[in-house]
Structures are given as structure tokens and as C-alpha cells.
């Protein structure tokens, strides 16, 4: 069975961007409203001081039942490390760790990338939150997929 067309959105945030919760809040509202619906998502950031990667995908971020766990990722460094390790460990439907690392390798220290696969209309609330935070659009295209893992070539080409 072929997947319904979905919208693939990829945004890059420059070094120094302060993600104050607006983007996670928009994802949470999508989760609660159900339309448009986030099918999958991936956030990768390079620490400005250490250069280490932090990463969370939607499956890991929803481990507690909602994307609220993504707030912990943003606010708690110990939780961020644990979530990153789970994201890199791999899980069904997750983006393979080498691909996450390749996306992260293209980031400057302090930079970040958000990739969202959406069923339904373009999520205006999320788009607004990304632009308010200083994000820049890298990909905006219709795709036939329900997971980001099915879109590895697109993700690697745009990083």
C-alpha cells in the first residue's frame, strides 16, 4: 500500500538561536489537535562549546505519550543526553544514527536542524514558530512516506 502524500519540511537554525519553546509548543498543539498531524520529526543540534550532537526524534520525544518529553530535552541537560543516546540507539521507524550524525556534521557549533513530516495542510502554527525563532526553510516538498527513515536521500541532500 502506498503512503498518502505528506509534507516534508526541513528548517535550519543558525548558531545563537534561542529556541524558547515556541517550536515544541507548536508540535504539541499539532499532537493535540490531530490536524495537521506530525507523522515524524527529528531535531538535531550541535553544542556551541563541546561540538557534541544532541538529537531527538518524534518516537523518542513521545516516549511518555506526548511531545511534552521534548520540553525536557530542551530544558534539562541530563535528560537531553539520555534522549540523544536513545535516538542514536535506533528504533523501528527511526532515522538511522549515521544519517542523524551526517545531518549534525553539516551544522556549525550552536546550529540546529528541525525536520518534520506532516500529514495534512502545512502547519501554519509551526511555520510561524520556526520563523519567529530565526529558522530558515531548506526543504518544503510533497513526499510519499510516513517516516523520515524512508526519506534518507532527501535528508542527506538538503543538510
C-alpha atoms as a PDB file:
ATOM      1  CA  UNK A   1       0.000   0.000   0.000  1.00  0.00           C
ATOM      2  CA  UNK A   2       1.391   3.395  -0.958  1.00  0.00           C
ATOM      3  CA  UNK A   3       1.586   6.176   1.606  1.00  0.00           C
ATOM      4  CA  UNK A   4      -0.621   9.228   1.275  1.00  0.00           C
ATOM      5  CA  UNK A   5       1.353  12.287   0.214  1.00  0.00           C
ATOM      6  CA  UNK A   6       2.820  14.135   3.156  1.00  0.00           C
ATOM      7  CA  UNK A   7       4.674  17.422   3.503  1.00  0.00           C
ATOM      8  CA  UNK A   8       8.403  17.198   4.250  1.00  0.00           C
ATOM      9  CA  UNK A   9       9.672  20.343   5.973  1.00  0.00           C
ATOM     10  CA  UNK A  10      13.293  20.917   6.979  1.00  0.00           C
ATOM     11  CA  UNK A  11      14.485  24.036   8.773  1.00  0.00           C
ATOM     12  CA  UNK A  12      17.954  25.177   9.791  1.00  0.00           C
ATOM     13  CA  UNK A  13      18.561  27.398  12.809  1.00  0.00           C
ATOM     14  CA  UNK A  14      21.742  29.482  12.869  1.00  0.00           C
ATOM     15  CA  UNK A  15      24.203  29.476  15.746  1.00  0.00           C
ATOM     16  CA  UNK A  16      22.955  31.558  18.639  1.00  0.00           C
ATOM     17  CA  UNK A  17      19.285  30.804  18.012  1.00  0.00           C
ATOM     18  CA  UNK A  18      17.373  30.676  21.287  1.00  0.00           C
ATOM     19  CA  UNK A  19      14.638  28.102  20.986  1.00  0.00           C
ATOM     20  CA  UNK A  20      12.380  29.260  23.792  1.00  0.00           C
ATOM     21  CA  UNK A  21       9.697  26.599  23.432  1.00  0.00           C
ATOM     22  CA  UNK A  22       7.567  28.025  20.645  1.00  0.00           C
ATOM     23  CA  UNK A  23       8.524  25.267  18.214  1.00  0.00           C
ATOM     24  CA  UNK A  24       7.895  22.483  20.755  1.00  0.00           C
ATOM     25  CA  UNK A  25       4.644  24.199  21.712  1.00  0.00           C
ATOM     26  CA  UNK A  26       3.545  24.185  18.075  1.00  0.00           C
ATOM     27  CA  UNK A  27       4.391  20.473  17.794  1.00  0.00           C
ATOM     28  CA  UNK A  28       2.413  19.821  20.977  1.00  0.00           C
ATOM     29  CA  UNK A  29      -0.605  21.681  19.588  1.00  0.00           C
ATOM     30  CA  UNK A  30      -0.367  19.606  16.401  1.00  0.00           C
ATOM     31  CA  UNK A  31      -0.250  16.471  18.553  1.00  0.00           C
ATOM     32  CA  UNK A  32      -3.360  17.535  20.460  1.00  0.00           C
ATOM     33  CA  UNK A  33      -5.363  18.854  17.501  1.00  0.00           C
ATOM     34  CA  UNK A  34      -4.564  15.951  15.194  1.00  0.00           C
ATOM     35  CA  UNK A  35      -4.678  18.043  12.014  1.00  0.00           C
ATOM     36  CA  UNK A  36      -2.285  18.762  10.557  1.00  0.00           C
ATOM     37  CA  UNK A  37      -0.591  15.753  12.147  1.00  0.00           C
ATOM     38  CA  UNK A  38       3.128  15.238  12.652  1.00  0.00           C
ATOM     39  CA  UNK A  39       3.926  11.789  11.265  1.00  0.00           C
ATOM     40  CA  UNK A  40       7.590  12.009  12.201  1.00  0.00           C
ATOM     41  CA  UNK A  41      10.096  14.618  13.307  1.00  0.00           C
ATOM     42  CA  UNK A  42      13.793  14.944  14.025  1.00  0.00           C
ATOM     43  CA  UNK A  43      15.681  17.705  15.805  1.00  0.00           C
ATOM     44  CA  UNK A  44      19.498  17.771  15.725  1.00  0.00           C
ATOM     45  CA  UNK A  45      21.688  20.435  17.355  1.00  0.00           C
ATOM     46  CA  UNK A  46      25.452  20.896  17.718  1.00  0.00           C
ATOM     47  CA  UNK A  47      26.533  22.186  21.119  1.00  0.00           C
ATOM     48  CA  UNK A  48      28.267  25.534  20.804  1.00  0.00           C
ATOM     49  CA  UNK A  49      31.043  24.702  23.301  1.00  0.00           C
ATOM     50  CA  UNK A  50      31.666  20.962  23.029  1.00  0.00           C
ATOM     51  CA  UNK A  51      30.559  20.427  19.437  1.00  0.00           C
ATOM     52  CA  UNK A  52      28.649  17.322  20.569  1.00  0.00           C
ATOM     53  CA  UNK A  53      25.394  16.459  18.885  1.00  0.00           C
ATOM     54  CA  UNK A  54      22.046  16.431  20.649  1.00  0.00           C
ATOM     55  CA  UNK A  55      19.182  14.704  18.847  1.00  0.00           C
ATOM     56  CA  UNK A  56      15.576  13.731  19.439  1.00  0.00           C
ATOM     57  CA  UNK A  57      13.065  12.198  17.092  1.00  0.00           C
ATOM     58  CA  UNK A  58       9.308  12.109  17.455  1.00  0.00           C
ATOM     59  CA  UNK A  59       9.176   8.480  18.605  1.00  0.00           C
ATOM     60  CA  UNK A  60      11.711   9.151  21.357  1.00  0.00           C
ATOM     61  CA  UNK A  61      10.139  12.503  22.226  1.00  0.00           C
ATOM     62  CA  UNK A  62       6.721  10.846  22.534  1.00  0.00           C
ATOM     63  CA  UNK A  63       8.047   8.056  24.742  1.00  0.00           C
ATOM     64  CA  UNK A  64       5.940   9.443  27.583  1.00  0.00           C
ATOM     65  CA  UNK A  65       2.830   9.575  25.402  1.00  0.00           C
ATOM     66  CA  UNK A  66       3.133  13.140  24.099  1.00  0.00           C
ATOM     67  CA  UNK A  67       5.718  15.552  22.770  1.00  0.00           C
ATOM     68  CA  UNK A  68       5.955  17.123  26.241  1.00  0.00           C
ATOM     69  CA  UNK A  69       9.081  14.975  26.686  1.00  0.00           C
ATOM     70  CA  UNK A  70      10.663  17.237  24.067  1.00  0.00           C
ATOM     71  CA  UNK A  71      10.421  20.100  26.566  1.00  0.00           C
ATOM     72  CA  UNK A  72      12.556  18.082  28.978  1.00  0.00           C
ATOM     73  CA  UNK A  73      15.027  17.608  26.138  1.00  0.00           C
ATOM     74  CA  UNK A  74      15.266  21.364  25.703  1.00  0.00           C
ATOM     75  CA  UNK A  75      15.452  22.314  29.376  1.00  0.00           C
ATOM     76  CA  UNK A  76      17.356  19.511  31.137  1.00  0.00           C
ATOM     77  CA  UNK A  77      20.938  18.739  30.011  1.00  0.00           C
ATOM     78  CA  UNK A  78      20.977  15.307  31.694  1.00  0.00           C
ATOM     79  CA  UNK A  79      17.668  14.383  30.072  1.00  0.00           C
ATOM     80  CA  UNK A  80      18.941  15.721  26.729  1.00  0.00           C
ATOM     81  CA  UNK A  81      21.944  13.366  26.886  1.00  0.00           C
ATOM     82  CA  UNK A  82      19.722  10.362  27.732  1.00  0.00           C
ATOM     83  CA  UNK A  83      17.242  11.186  24.950  1.00  0.00           C
ATOM     84  CA  UNK A  84      20.096  11.664  22.472  1.00  0.00           C
ATOM     85  CA  UNK A  85      21.507   8.255  23.372  1.00  0.00           C
ATOM     86  CA  UNK A  86      18.082   6.654  22.830  1.00  0.00           C
ATOM     87  CA  UNK A  87      17.694   8.450  19.492  1.00  0.00           C
ATOM     88  CA  UNK A  88      21.115   7.238  18.311  1.00  0.00           C
ATOM     89  CA  UNK A  89      20.439   3.690  19.583  1.00  0.00           C
ATOM     90  CA  UNK A  90      17.926   3.228  16.810  1.00  0.00           C
ATOM     91  CA  UNK A  91      14.345   2.009  16.902  1.00  0.00           C
ATOM     92  CA  UNK A  92      11.686   0.954  14.400  1.00  0.00           C
ATOM     93  CA  UNK A  93      10.961   3.791  12.002  1.00  0.00           C
ATOM     94  CA  UNK A  94      13.743   5.960  13.429  1.00  0.00           C
ATOM     95  CA  UNK A  95      16.249   7.750  11.229  1.00  0.00           C
ATOM     96  CA  UNK A  96      19.455   5.665  11.256  1.00  0.00           C
ATOM     97  CA  UNK A  97      22.175   7.036  13.548  1.00  0.00           C
ATOM     98  CA  UNK A  98      24.696   7.522  10.701  1.00  0.00           C
ATOM     99  CA  UNK A  99      22.165   9.749   8.914  1.00  0.00           C
ATOM    100  CA  UNK A 100      21.486  11.764  12.084  1.00  0.00           C
ATOM    101  CA  UNK A 101      25.249  12.166  12.543  1.00  0.00           C
ATOM    102  CA  UNK A 102      25.665  13.267   8.902  1.00  0.00           C
ATOM    103  CA  UNK A 103      22.947  15.890   9.353  1.00  0.00           C
ATOM    104  CA  UNK A 104      24.673  17.059  12.535  1.00  0.00           C
ATOM    105  CA  UNK A 105      28.087  17.128  10.875  1.00  0.00           C
ATOM    106  CA  UNK A 106      26.806  19.808   8.487  1.00  0.00           C
ATOM    107  CA  UNK A 107      25.920  22.101  11.416  1.00  0.00           C
ATOM    108  CA  UNK A 108      28.083  24.860  12.781  1.00  0.00           C
ATOM    109  CA  UNK A 109      28.580  24.829  16.561  1.00  0.00           C
ATOM    110  CA  UNK A 110      25.388  26.233  18.054  1.00  0.00           C
ATOM    111  CA  UNK A 111      23.322  25.444  14.936  1.00  0.00           C
ATOM    112  CA  UNK A 112      20.329  23.137  14.686  1.00  0.00           C
ATOM    113  CA  UNK A 113      18.024  21.429  12.191  1.00  0.00           C
ATOM    114  CA  UNK A 114      14.364  20.504  12.539  1.00  0.00           C
ATOM    115  CA  UNK A 115      12.782  18.050  10.100  1.00  0.00           C
ATOM    116  CA  UNK A 116       9.035  17.389  10.235  1.00  0.00           C
ATOM    117  CA  UNK A 117       6.915  15.065   8.133  1.00  0.00           C
ATOM    118  CA  UNK A 118       3.311  16.273   8.194  1.00  0.00           C
ATOM    119  CA  UNK A 119       0.014  14.702   7.116  1.00  0.00           C
ATOM    120  CA  UNK A 120      -2.477  17.341   6.082  1.00  0.00           C
ATOM    121  CA  UNK A 121      -2.035  21.018   5.418  1.00  0.00           C
ATOM    122  CA  UNK A 122       1.190  22.887   6.102  1.00  0.00           C
ATOM    123  CA  UNK A 123       1.168  23.578   9.867  1.00  0.00           C
ATOM    124  CA  UNK A 124       0.898  27.378   9.969  1.00  0.00           C
ATOM    125  CA  UNK A 125       1.486  27.476  13.736  1.00  0.00           C
ATOM    126  CA  UNK A 126       4.739  25.526  13.405  1.00  0.00           C
ATOM    127  CA  UNK A 127       5.897  27.565  10.406  1.00  0.00           C
ATOM    128  CA  UNK A 128       5.283  30.788  12.366  1.00  0.00           C
ATOM    129  CA  UNK A 129       7.136  29.460  15.423  1.00  0.00           C
ATOM    130  CA  UNK A 130      10.125  28.399  13.312  1.00  0.00           C
ATOM    131  CA  UNK A 131      10.375  31.773  11.599  1.00  0.00           C
ATOM    132  CA  UNK A 132       9.995  33.660  14.903  1.00  0.00           C
ATOM    133  CA  UNK A 133      12.939  31.620  16.203  1.00  0.00           C
ATOM    134  CA  UNK A 134      15.037  32.538  13.155  1.00  0.00           C
ATOM    135  CA  UNK A 135      14.739  29.244  11.272  1.00  0.00           C
ATOM    136  CA  UNK A 136      15.335  29.085   7.519  1.00  0.00           C
ATOM    137  CA  UNK A 137      13.489  26.693   5.212  1.00  0.00           C
ATOM    138  CA  UNK A 138      15.662  24.065   3.485  1.00  0.00           C
ATOM    139  CA  UNK A 139      13.010  21.627   2.201  1.00  0.00           C
ATOM    140  CA  UNK A 140       9.298  22.062   1.532  1.00  0.00           C
ATOM    141  CA  UNK A 141       8.043  19.258  -0.677  1.00  0.00           C
ATOM    142  CA  UNK A 142       5.320  16.647  -1.008  1.00  0.00           C
ATOM    143  CA  UNK A 143       6.558  13.098  -0.483  1.00  0.00           C
ATOM    144  CA  UNK A 144       5.066   9.610  -0.352  1.00  0.00           C
ATOM    145  CA  UNK A 145       6.292   8.476   3.062  1.00  0.00           C
ATOM    146  CA  UNK A 146       5.113   8.074   6.640  1.00  0.00           C
ATOM    147  CA  UNK A 147       8.542   8.084   8.302  1.00  0.00           C
ATOM    148  CA  UNK A 148      11.682  10.141   7.878  1.00  0.00           C
ATOM    149  CA  UNK A 149      13.666   6.898   7.675  1.00  0.00           C
ATOM    150  CA  UNK A 150      12.068   6.397   4.240  1.00  0.00           C
ATOM    151  CA  UNK A 151      13.451   9.768   3.110  1.00  0.00           C
ATOM    152  CA  UNK A 152      17.172   9.368   3.831  1.00  0.00           C
ATOM    153  CA  UNK A 153      18.314  10.597   0.365  1.00  0.00           C
ATOM    154  CA  UNK A 154      16.238  13.777   0.709  1.00  0.00           C
ATOM    155  CA  UNK A 155      17.542  14.419   4.218  1.00  0.00           C
ATOM    156  CA  UNK A 156      21.183  13.960   3.218  1.00  0.00           C
ATOM    157  CA  UNK A 157      20.852  16.114   0.099  1.00  0.00           C
ATOM    158  CA  UNK A 158      19.451  19.103   1.978  1.00  0.00           C
ATOM    159  CA  UNK A 159      21.676  19.250   5.022  1.00  0.00           C
END
